[in-house]
Amino acid sequence: MLIICDCERSVRDQTQIVVQLTSPDFFQKLRRSNHKDTLLIRRVDLLQAHLLAQLSDFLEKLGERGGFSRNTLLHLGIIGSVEKREGIELLNFDLLSKFLDNLFCFRIEIPPLRKRKEEIPWLVDKFLSMVNHELKRNVTGFAPDALDILLQYHWPNNLSELRAEIERDITLTRDNDLIKISALSNRLTRYTSQPELLSRRCQT
C-alpha cells in the first residue's frame, strides 16, 4: 500500500502530517509491514521550517528509543519528493539537505516536465481521473486543440502546475464534455505558436 503525505497543503494540514509521522507507533507499523507499505512524503521542500525541524529531531531520536538505526530507516520504503525550479532557491536549504541526507540513501533527478513532454498525455489522463474522483465530476478529457496547447506550454512549475491547471479546467467544464480552449488559463494560451487556436477560443 502507498501511504502519501502531501506537504503541498496548508500549514494546518502540514501540522497534521507531522503529527501523524511523529506518532509513537507510525514507523513501527511501517517496519512491521515487511516492505508491503511504502511511504511517500511529497514536496518535502514545502514543509514549514519548524515542522521540518520537528520531524528531523523525531527521526534522530528514533534510534535512541525505538531501535531505529539509519540503516533501518533506509530500508523502510520511504520516498521523498522535492521540486526544483529554475532561478528559485529551495526554502530552508540547509535544514532540508540534512533531513534528506539522514532519511534517504539515493537521489534521483527527474528532468523538468518541459523536457519530457511526451509524458504529458499520460499525466493528463492520470490527473483527470484523480481530480474527477476528488471533485465528484465526470469531465471526459481535453479537446485535441486544447491538448496541443498543453503540449506547447513550458510548465515552469512542473507537475504541480499541470495538476492545478487540470483542476481549474474541470471546474469550468460541464460533466460528460471535453475541456476546450476556452477553459484554459491565459498563461497557457499566450505561449501557443498557433494563433489560429486562439481565434477558436474567442469563438467558443
N, C-alpha and C. Protein backbone atom coordinates (compact mmCIF):
# COMPACT_ATOMS: atom_id res chain seq x y z
N MET A 1 0.84 -1.19 0.00
CA MET A 1 0.00 0.00 0.00
C MET A 1 0.88 1.25 0.00
N LEU A 2 0.48 2.24 -0.79
CA LEU A 2 1.21 3.50 -0.85
C LEU A 2 0.55 4.51 0.09
N ILE A 3 1.31 4.97 1.08
CA ILE A 3 0.83 5.98 2.03
C ILE A 3 1.42 7.33 1.59
N ILE A 4 0.56 8.27 1.25
CA ILE A 4 1.01 9.56 0.72
C ILE A 4 0.80 10.65 1.76
N CYS A 5 1.88 11.34 2.11
CA CYS A 5 1.81 12.54 2.94
C CYS A 5 2.19 13.72 2.05
N ASP A 6 1.21 14.49 1.66
CA ASP A 6 1.41 15.57 0.69
C ASP A 6 1.62 16.89 1.41
N CYS A 7 2.84 17.43 1.32
CA CYS A 7 3.17 18.68 2.02
C CYS A 7 2.74 19.92 1.24
N GLU A 8 2.17 19.72 0.05
CA GLU A 8 1.68 20.86 -0.72
C GLU A 8 0.27 21.21 -0.22
N ARG A 9 0.22 21.55 1.05
CA ARG A 9 -1.04 21.83 1.73
C ARG A 9 -0.89 23.05 2.62
N SER A 10 -1.95 23.38 3.32
CA SER A 10 -1.91 24.49 4.27
C SER A 10 -1.02 24.11 5.45
N VAL A 11 -0.63 25.12 6.23
CA VAL A 11 0.19 24.86 7.42
C VAL A 11 -0.55 23.94 8.38
N ARG A 12 -1.85 24.11 8.48
CA ARG A 12 -2.64 23.23 9.35
C ARG A 12 -2.54 21.78 8.90
N ASP A 13 -2.68 21.55 7.59
CA ASP A 13 -2.58 20.19 7.07
C ASP A 13 -1.18 19.64 7.24
N GLN A 14 -0.17 20.50 7.02
CA GLN A 14 1.22 20.07 7.22
C GLN A 14 1.45 19.66 8.67
N THR A 15 0.86 20.41 9.59
CA THR A 15 0.99 20.07 11.01
C THR A 15 0.40 18.70 11.29
N GLN A 16 -0.74 18.40 10.70
CA GLN A 16 -1.37 17.10 10.89
C GLN A 16 -0.50 15.98 10.33
N ILE A 17 0.19 16.25 9.21
CA ILE A 17 1.09 15.26 8.62
C ILE A 17 2.23 14.95 9.59
N VAL A 18 2.83 15.99 10.16
CA VAL A 18 3.95 15.79 11.08
C VAL A 18 3.47 15.10 12.35
N VAL A 19 2.27 15.43 12.82
CA VAL A 19 1.71 14.74 13.99
C VAL A 19 1.56 13.25 13.69
N GLN A 20 1.08 12.93 12.49
CA GLN A 20 0.93 11.53 12.10
C GLN A 20 2.29 10.83 12.05
N LEU A 21 3.27 11.47 11.41
CA LEU A 21 4.59 10.84 11.25
C LEU A 21 5.33 10.69 12.58
N THR A 22 5.06 11.58 13.52
CA THR A 22 5.77 11.52 14.79
C THR A 22 4.96 10.82 15.89
N SER A 23 3.88 10.16 15.50
CA SER A 23 3.13 9.38 16.49
C SER A 23 3.98 8.20 16.93
N PRO A 24 3.80 7.70 18.15
CA PRO A 24 4.69 6.68 18.71
C PRO A 24 4.85 5.41 17.88
N ASP A 25 3.78 5.01 17.19
CA ASP A 25 3.85 3.70 16.54
C ASP A 25 3.83 3.74 15.02
N PHE A 26 3.90 4.95 14.40
CA PHE A 26 3.78 5.01 12.94
C PHE A 26 4.90 4.24 12.24
N PHE A 27 6.16 4.52 12.61
CA PHE A 27 7.28 3.85 11.95
C PHE A 27 7.38 2.38 12.36
N GLN A 28 6.89 2.06 13.55
CA GLN A 28 6.85 0.65 13.95
C GLN A 28 5.91 -0.13 13.03
N LYS A 29 4.74 0.45 12.72
CA LYS A 29 3.80 -0.19 11.82
C LYS A 29 4.39 -0.32 10.42
N LEU A 30 5.14 0.71 10.01
CA LEU A 30 5.78 0.66 8.69
C LEU A 30 6.80 -0.47 8.64
N ARG A 31 7.54 -0.64 9.73
CA ARG A 31 8.53 -1.71 9.77
C ARG A 31 7.84 -3.08 9.80
N ARG A 32 6.74 -3.20 10.55
CA ARG A 32 6.04 -4.49 10.65
C ARG A 32 5.35 -4.90 9.36
N SER A 33 5.15 -3.93 8.44
CA SER A 33 4.51 -4.28 7.18
C SER A 33 5.41 -5.13 6.29
N ASN A 34 6.70 -5.23 6.67
CA ASN A 34 7.64 -6.09 5.95
C ASN A 34 7.71 -5.73 4.46
N HIS A 35 7.92 -4.41 4.20
CA HIS A 35 8.10 -3.87 2.85
C HIS A 35 6.84 -3.91 1.99
N LYS A 36 5.67 -4.17 2.62
CA LYS A 36 4.43 -4.15 1.85
C LYS A 36 3.86 -2.73 1.74
N ASP A 37 4.27 -1.85 2.64
CA ASP A 37 3.82 -0.46 2.61
C ASP A 37 4.97 0.45 2.21
N THR A 38 4.63 1.48 1.42
CA THR A 38 5.61 2.48 1.02
C THR A 38 5.09 3.85 1.42
N LEU A 39 5.93 4.64 2.05
CA LEU A 39 5.57 5.99 2.47
C LEU A 39 6.15 7.01 1.49
N LEU A 40 5.29 7.83 0.92
CA LEU A 40 5.72 8.92 0.05
C LEU A 40 5.49 10.24 0.76
N ILE A 41 6.56 10.96 1.05
CA ILE A 41 6.45 12.31 1.61
C ILE A 41 6.64 13.26 0.43
N ARG A 42 5.54 13.75 -0.11
CA ARG A 42 5.58 14.55 -1.33
C ARG A 42 5.83 16.02 -1.03
N ARG A 43 6.72 16.62 -1.84
CA ARG A 43 7.07 18.04 -1.74
C ARG A 43 7.57 18.40 -0.34
N VAL A 44 8.58 17.66 0.11
CA VAL A 44 9.20 17.94 1.40
C VAL A 44 9.71 19.38 1.46
N ASP A 45 10.08 19.92 0.30
CA ASP A 45 10.63 21.28 0.27
C ASP A 45 9.63 22.34 0.69
N LEU A 46 8.34 22.02 0.70
CA LEU A 46 7.32 22.99 1.09
C LEU A 46 6.97 22.93 2.58
N LEU A 47 7.54 21.97 3.28
CA LEU A 47 7.25 21.83 4.71
C LEU A 47 7.80 23.02 5.47
N GLN A 48 6.98 23.59 6.35
CA GLN A 48 7.41 24.74 7.14
C GLN A 48 8.66 24.39 7.96
N ALA A 49 9.54 25.39 8.16
CA ALA A 49 10.83 25.15 8.80
C ALA A 49 10.68 24.50 10.17
N HIS A 50 9.75 25.00 10.99
CA HIS A 50 9.61 24.45 12.34
C HIS A 50 9.08 23.02 12.31
N LEU A 51 8.25 22.70 11.31
CA LEU A 51 7.74 21.34 11.19
C LEU A 51 8.82 20.39 10.66
N LEU A 52 9.63 20.89 9.73
CA LEU A 52 10.74 20.09 9.22
C LEU A 52 11.74 19.80 10.33
N ALA A 53 12.01 20.81 11.16
CA ALA A 53 12.92 20.61 12.29
C ALA A 53 12.33 19.61 13.29
N GLN A 54 11.03 19.70 13.52
CA GLN A 54 10.37 18.77 14.46
C GLN A 54 10.46 17.34 13.95
N LEU A 55 10.22 17.15 12.66
CA LEU A 55 10.30 15.82 12.08
C LEU A 55 11.73 15.29 12.08
N SER A 56 12.69 16.15 11.79
CA SER A 56 14.10 15.75 11.81
C SER A 56 14.54 15.32 13.19
N ASP A 57 14.16 16.10 14.21
CA ASP A 57 14.50 15.76 15.60
C ASP A 57 13.89 14.43 15.99
N PHE A 58 12.65 14.20 15.59
CA PHE A 58 11.98 12.94 15.92
C PHE A 58 12.73 11.75 15.32
N LEU A 59 13.13 11.88 14.06
CA LEU A 59 13.81 10.77 13.39
C LEU A 59 15.17 10.50 14.02
N GLU A 60 15.85 11.57 14.46
CA GLU A 60 17.14 11.38 15.12
C GLU A 60 16.98 10.63 16.44
N LYS A 61 15.87 10.88 17.15
CA LYS A 61 15.66 10.24 18.44
C LYS A 61 15.09 8.83 18.31
N LEU A 62 14.60 8.48 17.11
CA LEU A 62 14.05 7.14 16.93
C LEU A 62 15.08 6.07 17.24
N GLY A 63 16.32 6.33 16.87
CA GLY A 63 17.38 5.36 17.11
C GLY A 63 17.63 5.13 18.58
N GLU A 64 17.45 6.19 19.39
CA GLU A 64 17.70 6.09 20.82
C GLU A 64 16.61 5.31 21.55
N ARG A 65 15.35 5.52 21.15
CA ARG A 65 14.25 4.93 21.93
C ARG A 65 13.50 3.83 21.21
N GLY A 66 13.68 3.72 19.88
CA GLY A 66 12.90 2.74 19.15
C GLY A 66 13.72 1.72 18.40
N GLY A 67 15.03 1.77 18.57
CA GLY A 67 15.87 0.82 17.88
C GLY A 67 15.94 1.03 16.38
N PHE A 68 15.70 2.26 15.93
CA PHE A 68 15.74 2.57 14.51
C PHE A 68 17.09 3.18 14.16
N SER A 69 17.99 2.39 13.65
CA SER A 69 19.24 2.94 13.15
C SER A 69 18.97 3.60 11.80
N ARG A 70 19.93 4.36 11.30
CA ARG A 70 19.76 4.97 9.98
C ARG A 70 19.57 3.89 8.93
N ASN A 71 20.28 2.78 9.10
CA ASN A 71 20.15 1.69 8.14
C ASN A 71 18.73 1.12 8.14
N THR A 72 18.11 1.06 9.33
CA THR A 72 16.73 0.58 9.42
C THR A 72 15.80 1.51 8.68
N LEU A 73 15.97 2.82 8.89
CA LEU A 73 15.13 3.81 8.22
C LEU A 73 15.26 3.73 6.70
N LEU A 74 16.50 3.51 6.24
CA LEU A 74 16.73 3.46 4.80
C LEU A 74 16.04 2.27 4.14
N HIS A 75 15.72 1.25 4.93
CA HIS A 75 15.10 0.06 4.37
C HIS A 75 13.60 -0.02 4.62
N LEU A 76 13.01 1.09 5.09
CA LEU A 76 11.58 1.07 5.38
C LEU A 76 10.71 1.31 4.15
N GLY A 77 11.29 1.73 3.07
CA GLY A 77 10.49 2.02 1.89
C GLY A 77 9.88 3.41 1.95
N ILE A 78 10.73 4.42 2.18
CA ILE A 78 10.27 5.80 2.26
C ILE A 78 10.79 6.57 1.05
N ILE A 79 9.90 7.28 0.40
CA ILE A 79 10.26 8.10 -0.76
C ILE A 79 9.93 9.55 -0.42
N GLY A 80 10.83 10.45 -0.74
CA GLY A 80 10.58 11.88 -0.56
C GLY A 80 10.75 12.59 -1.88
N SER A 81 9.86 13.51 -2.20
CA SER A 81 9.99 14.26 -3.45
C SER A 81 10.22 15.74 -3.16
N VAL A 82 11.12 16.31 -3.94
CA VAL A 82 11.45 17.73 -3.85
C VAL A 82 11.38 18.29 -5.26
N GLU A 83 10.80 19.47 -5.40
CA GLU A 83 10.68 20.07 -6.72
C GLU A 83 11.59 21.28 -6.83
N LYS A 84 12.52 21.21 -7.77
CA LYS A 84 13.43 22.33 -8.02
C LYS A 84 12.88 23.17 -9.16
N ARG A 85 12.97 24.47 -8.99
CA ARG A 85 12.51 25.38 -10.04
C ARG A 85 13.65 26.31 -10.43
N GLU A 86 13.75 26.58 -11.72
CA GLU A 86 14.85 27.41 -12.20
C GLU A 86 14.79 28.79 -11.57
N GLY A 87 15.93 29.24 -11.06
CA GLY A 87 16.04 30.59 -10.51
C GLY A 87 15.44 30.75 -9.13
N ILE A 88 14.96 29.66 -8.53
CA ILE A 88 14.35 29.74 -7.20
C ILE A 88 15.08 28.80 -6.26
N GLU A 89 15.62 29.34 -5.17
CA GLU A 89 16.32 28.53 -4.19
C GLU A 89 15.32 27.77 -3.32
N LEU A 90 15.67 26.57 -2.96
CA LEU A 90 14.82 25.80 -2.06
C LEU A 90 14.76 26.46 -0.70
N LEU A 91 13.56 26.48 -0.10
CA LEU A 91 13.40 27.04 1.24
C LEU A 91 14.13 26.17 2.26
N ASN A 92 14.66 26.82 3.29
CA ASN A 92 15.29 26.09 4.41
C ASN A 92 16.32 25.08 3.89
N PHE A 93 17.19 25.55 2.96
CA PHE A 93 18.05 24.63 2.21
C PHE A 93 18.92 23.76 3.12
N ASP A 94 19.58 24.36 4.10
CA ASP A 94 20.50 23.60 4.96
C ASP A 94 19.75 22.54 5.76
N LEU A 95 18.63 22.93 6.36
CA LEU A 95 17.82 22.01 7.15
C LEU A 95 17.26 20.90 6.26
N LEU A 96 16.80 21.28 5.07
CA LEU A 96 16.24 20.29 4.14
C LEU A 96 17.31 19.31 3.68
N SER A 97 18.50 19.80 3.38
CA SER A 97 19.59 18.92 2.93
C SER A 97 19.95 17.91 4.01
N LYS A 98 20.02 18.37 5.26
CA LYS A 98 20.34 17.47 6.37
C LYS A 98 19.26 16.40 6.50
N PHE A 99 18.00 16.81 6.42
CA PHE A 99 16.89 15.88 6.54
C PHE A 99 16.95 14.82 5.44
N LEU A 100 17.17 15.25 4.21
CA LEU A 100 17.22 14.32 3.08
C LEU A 100 18.42 13.37 3.20
N ASP A 101 19.55 13.89 3.64
CA ASP A 101 20.74 13.04 3.79
C ASP A 101 20.54 11.97 4.85
N ASN A 102 19.82 12.33 5.93
CA ASN A 102 19.61 11.38 7.02
C ASN A 102 18.59 10.30 6.69
N LEU A 103 17.61 10.65 5.85
CA LEU A 103 16.49 9.73 5.64
C LEU A 103 16.58 8.94 4.34
N PHE A 104 17.33 9.45 3.37
CA PHE A 104 17.33 8.81 2.06
C PHE A 104 18.75 8.46 1.63
N CYS A 105 18.84 7.31 0.98
CA CYS A 105 20.14 6.80 0.56
C CYS A 105 20.49 7.25 -0.85
N PHE A 106 19.49 7.31 -1.72
CA PHE A 106 19.73 7.64 -3.12
C PHE A 106 18.93 8.88 -3.51
N ARG A 107 19.49 9.65 -4.44
CA ARG A 107 18.77 10.79 -5.01
C ARG A 107 18.64 10.54 -6.51
N ILE A 108 17.44 10.69 -7.00
CA ILE A 108 17.17 10.51 -8.43
C ILE A 108 16.68 11.83 -8.98
N GLU A 109 17.38 12.37 -9.97
CA GLU A 109 16.99 13.63 -10.60
C GLU A 109 16.02 13.32 -11.74
N ILE A 110 14.83 13.88 -11.68
CA ILE A 110 13.84 13.71 -12.75
C ILE A 110 13.81 15.00 -13.56
N PRO A 111 13.99 14.92 -14.87
CA PRO A 111 14.01 16.13 -15.70
C PRO A 111 12.72 16.92 -15.56
N PRO A 112 12.77 18.24 -15.73
CA PRO A 112 11.54 19.06 -15.66
C PRO A 112 10.56 18.62 -16.74
N LEU A 113 9.31 18.94 -16.53
CA LEU A 113 8.25 18.48 -17.43
C LEU A 113 8.46 18.96 -18.86
N ARG A 114 9.02 20.15 -19.03
CA ARG A 114 9.20 20.68 -20.39
C ARG A 114 10.19 19.84 -21.20
N LYS A 115 11.01 19.02 -20.52
CA LYS A 115 11.97 18.18 -21.23
C LYS A 115 11.47 16.75 -21.42
N ARG A 116 10.26 16.49 -21.00
CA ARG A 116 9.67 15.15 -21.19
C ARG A 116 8.18 15.30 -21.53
N LYS A 117 7.93 16.15 -22.53
CA LYS A 117 6.55 16.45 -22.90
C LYS A 117 5.81 15.26 -23.46
N GLU A 118 6.56 14.24 -23.89
CA GLU A 118 5.89 13.04 -24.40
C GLU A 118 5.08 12.35 -23.30
N GLU A 119 5.35 12.69 -22.03
CA GLU A 119 4.61 12.09 -20.91
C GLU A 119 3.32 12.85 -20.59
N ILE A 120 3.16 14.04 -21.16
CA ILE A 120 2.02 14.88 -20.79
C ILE A 120 0.67 14.20 -21.05
N PRO A 121 0.43 13.57 -22.21
CA PRO A 121 -0.88 12.92 -22.40
C PRO A 121 -1.18 11.87 -21.33
N TRP A 122 -0.18 11.09 -20.96
CA TRP A 122 -0.38 10.09 -19.91
C TRP A 122 -0.67 10.75 -18.57
N LEU A 123 0.10 11.81 -18.23
CA LEU A 123 -0.12 12.51 -16.97
C LEU A 123 -1.49 13.19 -16.93
N VAL A 124 -1.90 13.73 -18.07
CA VAL A 124 -3.22 14.36 -18.15
C VAL A 124 -4.31 13.35 -17.84
N ASP A 125 -4.21 12.15 -18.40
CA ASP A 125 -5.21 11.12 -18.12
C ASP A 125 -5.25 10.78 -16.63
N LYS A 126 -4.06 10.66 -16.01
CA LYS A 126 -3.99 10.30 -14.59
C LYS A 126 -4.60 11.40 -13.72
N PHE A 127 -4.21 12.66 -13.99
CA PHE A 127 -4.73 13.77 -13.19
C PHE A 127 -6.23 13.97 -13.42
N LEU A 128 -6.70 13.78 -14.66
CA LEU A 128 -8.14 13.88 -14.93
C LEU A 128 -8.91 12.88 -14.08
N SER A 129 -8.42 11.66 -14.04
CA SER A 129 -9.09 10.62 -13.24
C SER A 129 -9.09 10.98 -11.76
N MET A 130 -7.93 11.44 -11.25
CA MET A 130 -7.82 11.78 -9.83
C MET A 130 -8.73 12.93 -9.47
N VAL A 131 -8.67 14.01 -10.27
CA VAL A 131 -9.44 15.22 -9.93
C VAL A 131 -10.93 14.99 -10.11
N ASN A 132 -11.31 14.26 -11.16
CA ASN A 132 -12.73 13.91 -11.32
C ASN A 132 -13.24 13.18 -10.09
N HIS A 133 -12.44 12.25 -9.59
CA HIS A 133 -12.84 11.48 -8.41
C HIS A 133 -12.95 12.39 -7.18
N GLU A 134 -11.95 13.27 -6.99
CA GLU A 134 -11.95 14.14 -5.81
C GLU A 134 -13.10 15.13 -5.83
N LEU A 135 -13.42 15.67 -7.03
CA LEU A 135 -14.46 16.69 -7.14
C LEU A 135 -15.83 16.10 -7.47
N LYS A 136 -15.86 14.76 -7.60
CA LYS A 136 -17.11 14.07 -7.97
C LYS A 136 -17.66 14.63 -9.28
N ARG A 137 -16.77 14.73 -10.26
CA ARG A 137 -17.12 15.22 -11.58
C ARG A 137 -16.89 14.12 -12.61
N ASN A 138 -17.32 14.41 -13.85
CA ASN A 138 -17.15 13.43 -14.93
C ASN A 138 -16.81 14.15 -16.23
N VAL A 139 -15.72 14.91 -16.21
CA VAL A 139 -15.23 15.56 -17.43
C VAL A 139 -14.42 14.52 -18.19
N THR A 140 -14.68 14.39 -19.50
CA THR A 140 -14.19 13.22 -20.23
C THR A 140 -12.77 13.36 -20.77
N GLY A 141 -12.24 14.58 -20.88
CA GLY A 141 -10.88 14.73 -21.39
C GLY A 141 -10.66 16.11 -21.98
N PHE A 142 -9.59 16.25 -22.75
CA PHE A 142 -9.27 17.51 -23.41
C PHE A 142 -9.57 17.40 -24.90
N ALA A 143 -10.14 18.46 -25.46
CA ALA A 143 -10.29 18.53 -26.91
C ALA A 143 -8.89 18.52 -27.54
N PRO A 144 -8.72 17.96 -28.74
CA PRO A 144 -7.39 17.86 -29.34
C PRO A 144 -6.63 19.18 -29.42
N ASP A 145 -7.31 20.29 -29.80
CA ASP A 145 -6.60 21.56 -29.91
C ASP A 145 -6.20 22.10 -28.53
N ALA A 146 -7.00 21.81 -27.48
CA ALA A 146 -6.63 22.21 -26.12
C ALA A 146 -5.43 21.41 -25.64
N LEU A 147 -5.41 20.12 -25.95
CA LEU A 147 -4.26 19.29 -25.59
C LEU A 147 -3.00 19.75 -26.31
N ASP A 148 -3.14 20.23 -27.55
CA ASP A 148 -1.99 20.77 -28.29
C ASP A 148 -1.34 21.92 -27.53
N ILE A 149 -2.16 22.76 -26.92
CA ILE A 149 -1.62 23.89 -26.16
C ILE A 149 -0.92 23.40 -24.91
N LEU A 150 -1.46 22.40 -24.25
CA LEU A 150 -0.78 21.81 -23.09
C LEU A 150 0.60 21.28 -23.48
N LEU A 151 0.70 20.72 -24.67
CA LEU A 151 1.97 20.17 -25.13
C LEU A 151 2.98 21.26 -25.50
N GLN A 152 2.49 22.44 -25.86
CA GLN A 152 3.39 23.54 -26.23
C GLN A 152 3.91 24.31 -25.02
N TYR A 153 3.10 24.39 -23.99
CA TYR A 153 3.44 25.21 -22.81
C TYR A 153 4.69 24.67 -22.12
N HIS A 154 5.47 25.54 -21.47
CA HIS A 154 6.77 25.15 -20.92
C HIS A 154 6.71 24.68 -19.46
N TRP A 155 5.60 24.80 -18.77
CA TRP A 155 5.37 24.26 -17.42
C TRP A 155 6.52 24.56 -16.44
N PRO A 156 6.74 25.83 -16.11
CA PRO A 156 7.83 26.17 -15.19
C PRO A 156 7.69 25.57 -13.80
N ASN A 157 6.44 25.30 -13.38
CA ASN A 157 6.21 24.73 -12.05
C ASN A 157 5.88 23.24 -12.10
N ASN A 158 6.16 22.61 -13.24
CA ASN A 158 6.12 21.17 -13.39
C ASN A 158 4.76 20.55 -13.05
N LEU A 159 4.79 19.39 -12.37
CA LEU A 159 3.57 18.62 -12.17
C LEU A 159 2.53 19.35 -11.33
N SER A 160 2.97 20.12 -10.35
CA SER A 160 2.01 20.84 -9.51
C SER A 160 1.21 21.84 -10.34
N GLU A 161 1.87 22.47 -11.32
CA GLU A 161 1.17 23.43 -12.18
C GLU A 161 0.22 22.71 -13.13
N LEU A 162 0.65 21.55 -13.65
CA LEU A 162 -0.22 20.78 -14.55
C LEU A 162 -1.47 20.33 -13.81
N ARG A 163 -1.30 19.82 -12.61
CA ARG A 163 -2.47 19.37 -11.84
C ARG A 163 -3.40 20.55 -11.53
N ALA A 164 -2.82 21.69 -11.12
CA ALA A 164 -3.65 22.86 -10.80
C ALA A 164 -4.42 23.33 -12.02
N GLU A 165 -3.78 23.28 -13.19
CA GLU A 165 -4.45 23.67 -14.42
C GLU A 165 -5.62 22.74 -14.73
N ILE A 166 -5.40 21.45 -14.59
CA ILE A 166 -6.45 20.48 -14.88
C ILE A 166 -7.61 20.64 -13.90
N GLU A 167 -7.30 20.88 -12.62
CA GLU A 167 -8.35 21.08 -11.63
C GLU A 167 -9.18 22.31 -11.98
N ARG A 168 -8.51 23.38 -12.40
CA ARG A 168 -9.22 24.60 -12.79
C ARG A 168 -10.10 24.35 -14.02
N ASP A 169 -9.54 23.67 -15.01
CA ASP A 169 -10.27 23.44 -16.26
C ASP A 169 -11.50 22.57 -16.03
N ILE A 170 -11.38 21.60 -15.14
CA ILE A 170 -12.53 20.73 -14.84
C ILE A 170 -13.67 21.53 -14.22
N THR A 171 -13.33 22.47 -13.34
CA THR A 171 -14.39 23.27 -12.70
C THR A 171 -15.11 24.16 -13.71
N LEU A 172 -14.47 24.44 -14.84
CA LEU A 172 -15.06 25.31 -15.86
C LEU A 172 -15.70 24.52 -17.00
N THR A 173 -15.78 23.21 -16.86
CA THR A 173 -16.29 22.35 -17.93
C THR A 173 -17.45 21.52 -17.39
N ARG A 174 -18.45 21.33 -18.24
CA ARG A 174 -19.61 20.53 -17.84
C ARG A 174 -19.25 19.05 -17.81
N ASP A 175 -19.98 18.31 -16.99
CA ASP A 175 -19.82 16.86 -16.97
C ASP A 175 -20.12 16.28 -18.35
N ASN A 176 -19.44 15.18 -18.66
CA ASN A 176 -19.62 14.46 -19.92
C ASN A 176 -19.23 15.30 -21.13
N ASP A 177 -18.36 16.28 -20.90
CA ASP A 177 -17.89 17.14 -22.00
C ASP A 177 -16.37 17.17 -22.01
N LEU A 178 -15.80 17.61 -23.12
CA LEU A 178 -14.36 17.78 -23.24
C LEU A 178 -13.94 19.18 -22.79
N ILE A 179 -12.75 19.30 -22.24
CA ILE A 179 -12.19 20.61 -21.88
C ILE A 179 -11.75 21.30 -23.17
N LYS A 180 -12.26 22.48 -23.40
CA LYS A 180 -11.97 23.22 -24.63
C LYS A 180 -10.98 24.35 -24.35
N ILE A 181 -10.49 24.96 -25.40
CA ILE A 181 -9.51 26.05 -25.27
C ILE A 181 -10.07 27.17 -24.40
N SER A 182 -11.37 27.40 -24.48
CA SER A 182 -11.97 28.49 -23.71
C SER A 182 -11.81 28.31 -22.21
N ALA A 183 -11.56 27.09 -21.75
CA ALA A 183 -11.40 26.82 -20.31
C ALA A 183 -9.96 26.98 -19.85
N LEU A 184 -9.01 27.06 -20.78
CA LEU A 184 -7.60 27.10 -20.40
C LEU A 184 -7.20 28.46 -19.83
N SER A 185 -6.17 28.46 -18.98
CA SER A 185 -5.65 29.69 -18.39
C SER A 185 -5.01 30.56 -19.46
N ASN A 186 -5.05 31.86 -19.24
CA ASN A 186 -4.44 32.79 -20.20
C ASN A 186 -2.95 32.55 -20.35
N ARG A 187 -2.30 32.13 -19.25
CA ARG A 187 -0.85 31.93 -19.33
C ARG A 187 -0.49 30.81 -20.30
N LEU A 188 -1.39 29.85 -20.48
CA LEU A 188 -1.14 28.78 -21.44
C LEU A 188 -1.34 29.26 -22.87
N THR A 189 -2.43 29.96 -23.09
CA THR A 189 -2.74 30.37 -24.47
C THR A 189 -1.77 31.43 -24.97
N ARG A 190 -1.15 32.18 -24.08
CA ARG A 190 -0.15 33.17 -24.51
C ARG A 190 1.07 32.52 -25.13
N TYR A 191 1.35 31.26 -24.77
CA TYR A 191 2.57 30.60 -25.24
C TYR A 191 2.35 29.74 -26.48
N THR A 192 1.12 29.70 -27.00
CA THR A 192 0.89 28.87 -28.17
C THR A 192 1.55 29.45 -29.41
N SER A 193 2.07 28.59 -30.25
CA SER A 193 2.71 29.01 -31.50
C SER A 193 1.72 28.93 -32.66
N GLN A 194 0.45 28.68 -32.34
CA GLN A 194 -0.58 28.55 -33.38
C GLN A 194 -1.69 29.57 -33.10
N PRO A 195 -1.53 30.80 -33.60
CA PRO A 195 -2.52 31.86 -33.31
C PRO A 195 -3.94 31.49 -33.71
N GLU A 196 -4.07 30.60 -34.72
CA GLU A 196 -5.42 30.24 -35.15
C GLU A 196 -6.20 29.54 -34.04
N LEU A 197 -5.47 28.91 -33.11
CA LEU A 197 -6.15 28.25 -31.99
C LEU A 197 -6.82 29.28 -31.09
N LEU A 198 -6.18 30.44 -30.94
CA LEU A 198 -6.74 31.47 -30.06
C LEU A 198 -7.99 32.08 -30.66
N SER A 199 -8.04 32.14 -31.99
CA SER A 199 -9.25 32.66 -32.61
C SER A 199 -10.43 31.74 -32.34
N ARG A 200 -10.14 30.43 -32.23
CA ARG A 200 -11.20 29.49 -31.86
C ARG A 200 -11.66 29.73 -30.44
N ARG A 201 -10.73 30.13 -29.57
CA ARG A 201 -11.10 30.37 -28.17
C ARG A 201 -12.10 31.50 -28.09
N CYS A 202 -11.90 32.54 -28.90
CA CYS A 202 -12.79 33.69 -28.86
C CYS A 202 -14.18 33.33 -29.40
N GLN A 203 -14.22 32.30 -30.25
CA GLN A 203 -15.49 31.93 -30.86
C GLN A 203 -16.29 30.96 -30.01
N THR A 204 -15.62 30.34 -28.97
CA THR A 204 -16.32 29.34 -28.16
C THR A 204 -16.98 29.97 -26.94
